Structures are given as structure tokens and as C-alpha cells.
Amino acid sequence: MKSGTMYYPVDSVKTLVDIDRLVDSFFGTNQRLNRENTVLGHFPLVDICEKSDSYVLEAELPGYNENDVEVNLNGGTLTIESKKDESLEKQDEAGNYVVKERRIQNFTRSFKLPENADPSSIEADFKDGLLCLTIKKRTEAQKKIIEFKKKSE
């Protein structure tokens, strides 16, 4: 009988790790993620977008609701964390366990806010397993376009 083996291309895994490192270096994350934690999903996958007046952080949290997740700010470090306990139990007619699996999904992921972020302006929204954090930039740090004076002829 032939057997199959799972194939994980090294290049795609390395690319995911490199992207995480790039995001971490931008936000100065002090927590190093390794390949297993990132790829196997022990940490939520995060997209971070910089806009002219804010940063938007979106974290995929399928199967979670807003009661399972806590977002806190300590100094300049933003932390998303959860501890979720799920159990799946199946019993036969006599009440004996046929399958009893327990799974605890807990994680902590931290991000150091950029210096131009305004910690008092953070807004959070959670819908359909997607956590969206909007972090406004300080007014003085926002890009301002300066118009040239027109010369009179």
C-alpha cells in the first residue's frame, strides 16, 4: 500500500516567516514568532495597514467571539490575548467515553505602537471572527500638504 506525506514547501513557509518579521520590525514587537507558531495558527494572523491618519490592525480569530478576546494597552504595547476552552465529548449508551478531546486555544500577541500613534484614540470592532483595531495618529504627526503661494504677475 502506498502512503502519502504532507508537503510543506520551504519557500512559502519562509515567506510567511519573513512577512511576520517585517511586520514585527515595523511595530517593534518584542515577542519573536517562530515558524511553527505562525504557520500552524497558535497566533492569530494579522494584517496591518498604515493610512494617512491612522493604523488599522486586523486579526483573524475564527471561532472566537468578543467575550473570548481581550485587548489591552500597557505603556506603548498593545496586546491581544485569549484563553478559550473547548471540549468535544462523545459517549456510548453506557455513558463511557468513546472520544474525549479537550482543546485549549490561548494566545498572546503584542505589538509596540509607533511613536506617532495616539494610544487614547484606539477603537476596537469585532465581527464574524475579525478583530479590527483602528489606531489614530497624533495630529502633529499626520502628513500635511503645504500649498505654494502663487506669484502675482
N, C-alpha and C. Protein backbone atom coordinates (compact mmCIF):
# COMPACT_ATOMS: atom_id res chain seq x y z
N MET A 1 0.84 -1.18 0.00
CA MET A 1 0.00 0.00 0.00
C MET A 1 0.88 1.24 0.00
N LYS A 2 0.52 2.20 -0.80
CA LYS A 2 1.29 3.43 -0.87
C LYS A 2 0.82 4.38 0.23
N SER A 3 1.73 5.16 0.71
CA SER A 3 1.36 6.13 1.74
C SER A 3 1.66 7.53 1.24
N GLY A 4 0.95 8.48 1.76
CA GLY A 4 1.15 9.88 1.37
C GLY A 4 1.85 10.65 2.48
N THR A 5 2.52 11.66 2.10
CA THR A 5 3.19 12.52 3.06
C THR A 5 2.77 13.95 2.81
N MET A 6 2.58 14.70 3.89
CA MET A 6 2.25 16.12 3.76
C MET A 6 3.50 16.86 3.28
N TYR A 7 3.29 17.74 2.33
CA TYR A 7 4.40 18.51 1.77
C TYR A 7 4.18 19.98 2.08
N TYR A 8 5.14 20.57 2.73
CA TYR A 8 5.10 21.99 3.03
C TYR A 8 6.29 22.64 2.34
N PRO A 9 6.04 23.36 1.26
CA PRO A 9 7.17 23.97 0.55
C PRO A 9 7.93 24.93 1.47
N VAL A 10 9.22 24.75 1.55
CA VAL A 10 10.05 25.57 2.42
C VAL A 10 9.98 27.04 2.02
N ASP A 11 9.91 27.31 0.72
CA ASP A 11 9.88 28.70 0.27
C ASP A 11 8.65 29.44 0.77
N SER A 12 7.46 28.81 0.74
CA SER A 12 6.26 29.50 1.19
C SER A 12 6.28 29.71 2.70
N VAL A 13 6.78 28.74 3.45
CA VAL A 13 6.89 28.89 4.90
C VAL A 13 7.87 30.01 5.23
N LYS A 14 9.00 30.03 4.53
CA LYS A 14 9.99 31.07 4.76
C LYS A 14 9.41 32.44 4.44
N THR A 15 8.61 32.52 3.39
CA THR A 15 7.99 33.79 3.02
C THR A 15 7.05 34.28 4.11
N LEU A 16 6.24 33.38 4.67
CA LEU A 16 5.34 33.77 5.76
C LEU A 16 6.12 34.26 6.98
N VAL A 17 7.19 33.57 7.31
CA VAL A 17 8.01 33.97 8.44
C VAL A 17 8.65 35.34 8.18
N ASP A 18 9.13 35.55 6.94
CA ASP A 18 9.73 36.84 6.59
C ASP A 18 8.72 37.97 6.69
N ILE A 19 7.47 37.72 6.27
CA ILE A 19 6.43 38.75 6.37
C ILE A 19 6.16 39.07 7.84
N ASP A 20 6.07 38.04 8.70
CA ASP A 20 5.87 38.29 10.13
C ASP A 20 7.00 39.12 10.70
N ARG A 21 8.23 38.80 10.32
CA ARG A 21 9.37 39.57 10.83
C ARG A 21 9.31 41.02 10.37
N LEU A 22 8.87 41.24 9.12
CA LEU A 22 8.75 42.60 8.61
C LEU A 22 7.70 43.38 9.41
N VAL A 23 6.55 42.76 9.65
CA VAL A 23 5.50 43.41 10.43
C VAL A 23 6.01 43.68 11.85
N ASP A 24 6.68 42.69 12.45
CA ASP A 24 7.20 42.85 13.79
C ASP A 24 8.22 43.97 13.86
N SER A 25 9.09 44.07 12.87
CA SER A 25 10.11 45.11 12.90
C SER A 25 9.49 46.49 12.73
N PHE A 26 8.41 46.59 11.95
CA PHE A 26 7.74 47.88 11.77
C PHE A 26 7.13 48.35 13.08
N PHE A 27 6.45 47.44 13.80
CA PHE A 27 5.81 47.81 15.05
C PHE A 27 6.71 47.58 16.26
N GLY A 28 7.91 47.08 16.06
CA GLY A 28 8.83 46.88 17.17
C GLY A 28 8.38 45.80 18.13
N THR A 29 7.74 44.76 17.63
CA THR A 29 7.24 43.70 18.50
C THR A 29 8.40 43.04 19.22
N ASN A 30 8.25 42.88 20.53
CA ASN A 30 9.33 42.27 21.30
C ASN A 30 9.16 40.76 21.42
N GLN A 31 8.07 40.23 20.93
CA GLN A 31 7.83 38.80 21.01
C GLN A 31 8.20 38.16 19.66
N ARG A 32 9.15 37.27 19.67
CA ARG A 32 9.60 36.63 18.42
C ARG A 32 8.69 35.45 18.11
N LEU A 33 8.21 35.41 16.91
CA LEU A 33 7.37 34.30 16.48
C LEU A 33 8.23 33.34 15.69
N ASN A 34 8.06 32.05 15.93
CA ASN A 34 8.79 31.09 15.12
C ASN A 34 7.88 30.49 14.07
N ARG A 35 8.44 29.74 13.16
CA ARG A 35 7.69 29.21 12.03
C ARG A 35 6.51 28.36 12.47
N GLU A 36 6.70 27.52 13.46
CA GLU A 36 5.62 26.63 13.88
C GLU A 36 4.44 27.42 14.44
N ASN A 37 4.69 28.42 15.27
CA ASN A 37 3.61 29.20 15.86
C ASN A 37 2.84 29.97 14.81
N THR A 38 3.52 30.53 13.85
CA THR A 38 2.86 31.34 12.84
C THR A 38 2.08 30.48 11.87
N VAL A 39 2.70 29.48 11.31
CA VAL A 39 2.08 28.70 10.25
C VAL A 39 0.99 27.79 10.80
N LEU A 40 1.18 27.20 11.95
CA LEU A 40 0.20 26.26 12.48
C LEU A 40 -0.93 26.95 13.22
N GLY A 41 -0.88 28.27 13.34
CA GLY A 41 -2.02 29.01 13.84
C GLY A 41 -2.10 29.18 15.34
N HIS A 42 -1.01 29.08 16.06
CA HIS A 42 -1.06 29.32 17.50
C HIS A 42 -1.21 30.80 17.82
N PHE A 43 -0.94 31.63 16.86
CA PHE A 43 -1.11 33.07 16.99
C PHE A 43 -2.06 33.52 15.89
N PRO A 44 -2.88 34.52 16.18
CA PRO A 44 -3.76 34.98 15.10
C PRO A 44 -2.96 35.64 13.99
N LEU A 45 -3.40 35.42 12.77
CA LEU A 45 -2.77 36.09 11.64
C LEU A 45 -3.26 37.53 11.61
N VAL A 46 -2.34 38.45 11.34
CA VAL A 46 -2.64 39.88 11.46
C VAL A 46 -2.25 40.60 10.18
N ASP A 47 -3.12 41.51 9.74
CA ASP A 47 -2.81 42.45 8.67
C ASP A 47 -2.75 43.83 9.29
N ILE A 48 -1.72 44.59 8.93
CA ILE A 48 -1.57 45.96 9.44
C ILE A 48 -1.43 46.89 8.25
N CYS A 49 -2.26 47.92 8.26
CA CYS A 49 -2.27 48.87 7.16
C CYS A 49 -2.05 50.27 7.72
N GLU A 50 -1.16 51.02 7.09
CA GLU A 50 -0.94 52.41 7.50
C GLU A 50 -1.69 53.32 6.55
N LYS A 51 -2.52 54.16 7.11
CA LYS A 51 -3.25 55.15 6.33
C LYS A 51 -2.67 56.52 6.69
N SER A 52 -3.14 57.55 6.02
CA SER A 52 -2.58 58.88 6.25
C SER A 52 -2.83 59.37 7.67
N ASP A 53 -3.96 58.98 8.29
CA ASP A 53 -4.29 59.48 9.62
C ASP A 53 -4.37 58.39 10.69
N SER A 54 -4.11 57.12 10.31
CA SER A 54 -4.26 56.05 11.29
C SER A 54 -3.55 54.77 10.85
N TYR A 55 -3.50 53.82 11.78
CA TYR A 55 -3.07 52.46 11.51
C TYR A 55 -4.29 51.57 11.72
N VAL A 56 -4.45 50.55 10.89
CA VAL A 56 -5.55 49.61 11.05
C VAL A 56 -4.94 48.22 11.19
N LEU A 57 -5.26 47.57 12.29
CA LEU A 57 -4.77 46.22 12.57
C LEU A 57 -5.97 45.29 12.54
N GLU A 58 -5.92 44.27 11.68
CA GLU A 58 -6.99 43.29 11.60
C GLU A 58 -6.42 41.92 11.95
N ALA A 59 -7.05 41.25 12.91
CA ALA A 59 -6.61 39.92 13.34
C ALA A 59 -7.71 38.91 13.07
N GLU A 60 -7.35 37.82 12.40
CA GLU A 60 -8.29 36.74 12.13
C GLU A 60 -8.44 35.87 13.38
N LEU A 61 -9.66 35.78 13.87
CA LEU A 61 -9.93 34.97 15.05
C LEU A 61 -11.18 34.11 14.81
N PRO A 62 -11.12 33.18 13.85
CA PRO A 62 -12.30 32.36 13.57
C PRO A 62 -12.67 31.50 14.77
N GLY A 63 -13.97 31.42 15.05
CA GLY A 63 -14.44 30.62 16.18
C GLY A 63 -14.43 31.36 17.50
N TYR A 64 -13.91 32.56 17.53
CA TYR A 64 -13.88 33.36 18.75
C TYR A 64 -15.02 34.38 18.70
N ASN A 65 -15.42 34.84 19.88
CA ASN A 65 -16.32 35.97 19.94
C ASN A 65 -15.68 37.02 20.85
N GLU A 66 -16.33 38.16 20.97
CA GLU A 66 -15.69 39.26 21.71
C GLU A 66 -15.51 38.96 23.20
N ASN A 67 -16.25 37.97 23.73
CA ASN A 67 -16.06 37.59 25.13
C ASN A 67 -14.81 36.75 25.33
N ASP A 68 -14.30 36.13 24.26
CA ASP A 68 -13.11 35.28 24.35
C ASP A 68 -11.81 36.07 24.22
N VAL A 69 -11.89 37.31 23.78
CA VAL A 69 -10.70 38.08 23.42
C VAL A 69 -10.59 39.33 24.29
N GLU A 70 -9.37 39.62 24.69
CA GLU A 70 -9.11 40.85 25.46
C GLU A 70 -8.02 41.63 24.75
N VAL A 71 -8.25 42.93 24.60
CA VAL A 71 -7.25 43.83 24.02
C VAL A 71 -6.89 44.83 25.10
N ASN A 72 -5.60 44.95 25.39
CA ASN A 72 -5.20 45.93 26.40
C ASN A 72 -3.96 46.69 25.96
N LEU A 73 -3.78 47.81 26.59
CA LEU A 73 -2.65 48.69 26.29
C LEU A 73 -1.91 48.94 27.58
N ASN A 74 -0.61 48.66 27.56
CA ASN A 74 0.23 48.88 28.74
C ASN A 74 1.45 49.65 28.26
N GLY A 75 1.53 50.91 28.64
CA GLY A 75 2.59 51.75 28.12
C GLY A 75 2.37 51.91 26.63
N GLY A 76 3.33 51.60 25.82
CA GLY A 76 3.19 51.68 24.38
C GLY A 76 3.00 50.33 23.73
N THR A 77 2.64 49.32 24.52
CA THR A 77 2.49 47.97 23.98
C THR A 77 1.02 47.57 23.96
N LEU A 78 0.55 47.22 22.78
CA LEU A 78 -0.82 46.77 22.56
C LEU A 78 -0.80 45.24 22.56
N THR A 79 -1.66 44.62 23.36
CA THR A 79 -1.68 43.16 23.48
C THR A 79 -3.07 42.62 23.18
N ILE A 80 -3.10 41.59 22.36
CA ILE A 80 -4.33 40.85 22.08
C ILE A 80 -4.14 39.48 22.71
N GLU A 81 -5.09 39.07 23.55
CA GLU A 81 -4.93 37.77 24.19
C GLU A 81 -6.27 37.07 24.39
N SER A 82 -6.18 35.75 24.52
CA SER A 82 -7.38 34.95 24.73
C SER A 82 -7.02 33.65 25.40
N LYS A 83 -7.99 33.11 26.09
CA LYS A 83 -7.91 31.74 26.59
C LYS A 83 -9.29 31.16 26.37
N LYS A 84 -9.34 30.22 25.48
CA LYS A 84 -10.62 29.62 25.12
C LYS A 84 -10.54 28.13 25.37
N ASP A 85 -11.49 27.61 26.11
CA ASP A 85 -11.52 26.19 26.43
C ASP A 85 -12.71 25.56 25.71
N GLU A 86 -12.40 24.65 24.82
CA GLU A 86 -13.45 23.93 24.10
C GLU A 86 -13.31 22.45 24.42
N SER A 87 -14.42 21.79 24.54
CA SER A 87 -14.32 20.34 24.73
C SER A 87 -15.33 19.66 23.82
N LEU A 88 -14.95 18.50 23.33
CA LEU A 88 -15.81 17.69 22.48
C LEU A 88 -15.89 16.32 23.13
N GLU A 89 -17.06 15.97 23.55
CA GLU A 89 -17.23 14.69 24.24
C GLU A 89 -18.27 13.85 23.51
N LYS A 90 -17.95 12.56 23.32
CA LYS A 90 -18.90 11.61 22.75
C LYS A 90 -18.93 10.41 23.69
N GLN A 91 -20.13 9.99 24.03
CA GLN A 91 -20.28 8.85 24.93
C GLN A 91 -21.09 7.76 24.24
N ASP A 92 -20.83 6.50 24.64
CA ASP A 92 -21.66 5.41 24.14
C ASP A 92 -22.90 5.29 25.03
N GLU A 93 -23.75 4.27 24.77
CA GLU A 93 -25.01 4.14 25.51
C GLU A 93 -24.80 3.92 27.00
N ALA A 94 -23.68 3.31 27.41
CA ALA A 94 -23.42 3.05 28.82
C ALA A 94 -22.83 4.26 29.54
N GLY A 95 -22.58 5.33 28.81
CA GLY A 95 -22.03 6.53 29.44
C GLY A 95 -20.51 6.56 29.44
N ASN A 96 -19.89 5.55 28.81
CA ASN A 96 -18.43 5.54 28.73
C ASN A 96 -17.98 6.45 27.59
N TYR A 97 -16.87 7.05 27.77
CA TYR A 97 -16.36 7.93 26.73
C TYR A 97 -15.82 7.12 25.56
N VAL A 98 -16.26 7.46 24.39
CA VAL A 98 -15.71 6.90 23.16
C VAL A 98 -14.58 7.81 22.71
N VAL A 99 -14.85 9.09 22.73
CA VAL A 99 -13.87 10.11 22.40
C VAL A 99 -14.03 11.24 23.38
N LYS A 100 -12.94 11.69 23.91
CA LYS A 100 -12.99 12.88 24.76
C LYS A 100 -11.76 13.70 24.42
N GLU A 101 -12.00 14.77 23.74
CA GLU A 101 -10.90 15.63 23.34
C GLU A 101 -11.11 17.01 23.94
N ARG A 102 -10.07 17.54 24.51
CA ARG A 102 -10.12 18.90 25.04
C ARG A 102 -9.08 19.71 24.31
N ARG A 103 -9.47 20.89 24.00
CA ARG A 103 -8.56 21.76 23.28
C ARG A 103 -8.63 23.14 23.92
N ILE A 104 -7.50 23.62 24.31
CA ILE A 104 -7.43 24.97 24.86
C ILE A 104 -6.71 25.82 23.83
N GLN A 105 -7.38 26.86 23.39
CA GLN A 105 -6.78 27.77 22.44
C GLN A 105 -6.50 29.09 23.15
N ASN A 106 -5.31 29.26 23.58
CA ASN A 106 -4.97 30.53 24.18
C ASN A 106 -3.77 31.10 23.45
N PHE A 107 -3.74 32.40 23.38
CA PHE A 107 -2.63 33.07 22.72
C PHE A 107 -2.45 34.44 23.31
N THR A 108 -1.28 34.96 23.12
CA THR A 108 -0.98 36.35 23.45
C THR A 108 -0.11 36.87 22.33
N ARG A 109 -0.48 38.00 21.78
CA ARG A 109 0.32 38.62 20.74
C ARG A 109 0.41 40.11 21.05
N SER A 110 1.62 40.63 21.06
CA SER A 110 1.84 42.02 21.45
C SER A 110 2.51 42.80 20.33
N PHE A 111 2.18 44.09 20.28
CA PHE A 111 2.74 45.00 19.29
C PHE A 111 3.13 46.29 19.98
N LYS A 112 4.32 46.77 19.70
CA LYS A 112 4.74 48.07 20.23
C LYS A 112 4.23 49.12 19.27
N LEU A 113 3.48 50.08 19.79
CA LEU A 113 2.91 51.13 18.95
C LEU A 113 4.00 52.06 18.45
N PRO A 114 3.88 52.54 17.23
CA PRO A 114 4.84 53.53 16.72
C PRO A 114 4.73 54.82 17.55
N GLU A 115 5.77 55.60 17.53
CA GLU A 115 5.79 56.83 18.33
C GLU A 115 4.71 57.82 17.94
N ASN A 116 4.30 57.80 16.67
CA ASN A 116 3.30 58.77 16.23
C ASN A 116 1.86 58.30 16.45
N ALA A 117 1.66 57.14 17.07
CA ALA A 117 0.31 56.63 17.35
C ALA A 117 -0.25 57.30 18.59
N ASP A 118 -1.56 57.54 18.58
CA ASP A 118 -2.24 58.14 19.72
C ASP A 118 -2.94 57.04 20.51
N PRO A 119 -2.37 56.62 21.65
CA PRO A 119 -2.94 55.50 22.40
C PRO A 119 -4.35 55.76 22.92
N SER A 120 -4.73 57.01 23.11
CA SER A 120 -6.06 57.31 23.64
C SER A 120 -7.15 57.22 22.57
N SER A 121 -6.76 57.01 21.32
CA SER A 121 -7.75 57.02 20.24
C SER A 121 -8.06 55.63 19.69
N ILE A 122 -7.61 54.58 20.33
CA ILE A 122 -7.79 53.23 19.79
C ILE A 122 -9.26 52.84 19.85
N GLU A 123 -9.77 52.38 18.70
CA GLU A 123 -11.14 51.88 18.62
C GLU A 123 -11.09 50.42 18.19
N ALA A 124 -11.95 49.61 18.81
CA ALA A 124 -11.97 48.17 18.51
C ALA A 124 -13.35 47.77 18.00
N ASP A 125 -13.35 46.87 17.02
CA ASP A 125 -14.58 46.32 16.48
C ASP A 125 -14.36 44.83 16.27
N PHE A 126 -15.34 44.02 16.61
CA PHE A 126 -15.23 42.57 16.46
C PHE A 126 -16.48 42.07 15.77
N LYS A 127 -16.31 41.45 14.59
CA LYS A 127 -17.46 40.95 13.86
C LYS A 127 -17.04 39.74 13.03
N ASP A 128 -17.79 38.68 13.14
CA ASP A 128 -17.58 37.46 12.34
C ASP A 128 -16.15 36.94 12.42
N GLY A 129 -15.57 36.94 13.61
CA GLY A 129 -14.23 36.39 13.79
C GLY A 129 -13.10 37.29 13.33
N LEU A 130 -13.40 38.55 13.05
CA LEU A 130 -12.37 39.50 12.62
C LEU A 130 -12.31 40.65 13.62
N LEU A 131 -11.18 40.78 14.28
CA LEU A 131 -10.93 41.88 15.20
C LEU A 131 -10.28 43.00 14.42
N CYS A 132 -10.87 44.19 14.48
CA CYS A 132 -10.33 45.34 13.76
C CYS A 132 -10.03 46.45 14.76
N LEU A 133 -8.77 46.84 14.84
CA LEU A 133 -8.35 47.92 15.73
C LEU A 133 -7.91 49.10 14.87
N THR A 134 -8.46 50.27 15.14
CA THR A 134 -8.06 51.49 14.44
C THR A 134 -7.33 52.37 15.43
N ILE A 135 -6.09 52.70 15.10
CA ILE A 135 -5.24 53.50 15.98
C ILE A 135 -4.91 54.79 15.24
N LYS A 136 -5.46 55.88 15.70
CA LYS A 136 -5.24 57.17 15.04
C LYS A 136 -3.82 57.65 15.29
N LYS A 137 -3.31 58.41 14.33
CA LYS A 137 -2.01 59.05 14.50
C LYS A 137 -2.23 60.37 15.23
N ARG A 138 -1.22 60.81 15.95
CA ARG A 138 -1.31 62.12 16.58
C ARG A 138 -1.45 63.18 15.50
N THR A 139 -2.18 64.22 15.80
CA THR A 139 -2.44 65.27 14.82
C THR A 139 -1.15 65.87 14.29
N GLU A 140 -0.20 66.11 15.17
CA GLU A 140 1.05 66.72 14.73
C GLU A 140 1.89 65.78 13.87
N ALA A 141 1.61 64.48 13.94
CA ALA A 141 2.39 63.51 13.17
C ALA A 141 1.78 63.22 11.80
N GLN A 142 0.57 63.70 11.56
CA GLN A 142 -0.07 63.43 10.29
C GLN A 142 0.55 64.27 9.19
N LYS A 143 0.56 63.71 8.02
CA LYS A 143 1.13 64.37 6.86
C LYS A 143 0.30 65.59 6.50
N LYS A 144 0.97 66.68 6.28
CA LYS A 144 0.28 67.91 5.91
C LYS A 144 0.87 68.41 4.60
N ILE A 145 0.01 68.70 3.67
CA ILE A 145 0.46 69.20 2.38
C ILE A 145 0.46 70.73 2.45
N ILE A 146 1.56 71.29 2.07
CA ILE A 146 1.70 72.75 2.11
C ILE A 146 1.57 73.28 0.69
N GLU A 147 0.64 74.17 0.53
CA GLU A 147 0.39 74.77 -0.76
C GLU A 147 1.41 75.88 -1.03
N PHE A 148 1.82 75.99 -2.26
CA PHE A 148 2.73 77.06 -2.65
C PHE A 148 1.93 78.34 -2.89
N LYS A 149 2.52 79.45 -2.53
CA LYS A 149 1.89 80.75 -2.81
C LYS A 149 2.05 81.03 -4.28
N LYS A 150 1.01 81.54 -4.85
CA LYS A 150 1.07 81.88 -6.27
C LYS A 150 1.67 83.26 -6.40
N LYS A 151 2.60 83.38 -7.32
CA LYS A 151 3.24 84.66 -7.57
C LYS A 151 2.30 85.54 -8.37
N SER A 152 2.19 86.76 -7.96
CA SER A 152 1.35 87.69 -8.71
C SER A 152 2.17 88.28 -9.83
N GLU A 153 1.56 88.45 -10.96
CA GLU A 153 2.28 88.97 -12.12
C GLU A 153 2.05 90.43 -12.32
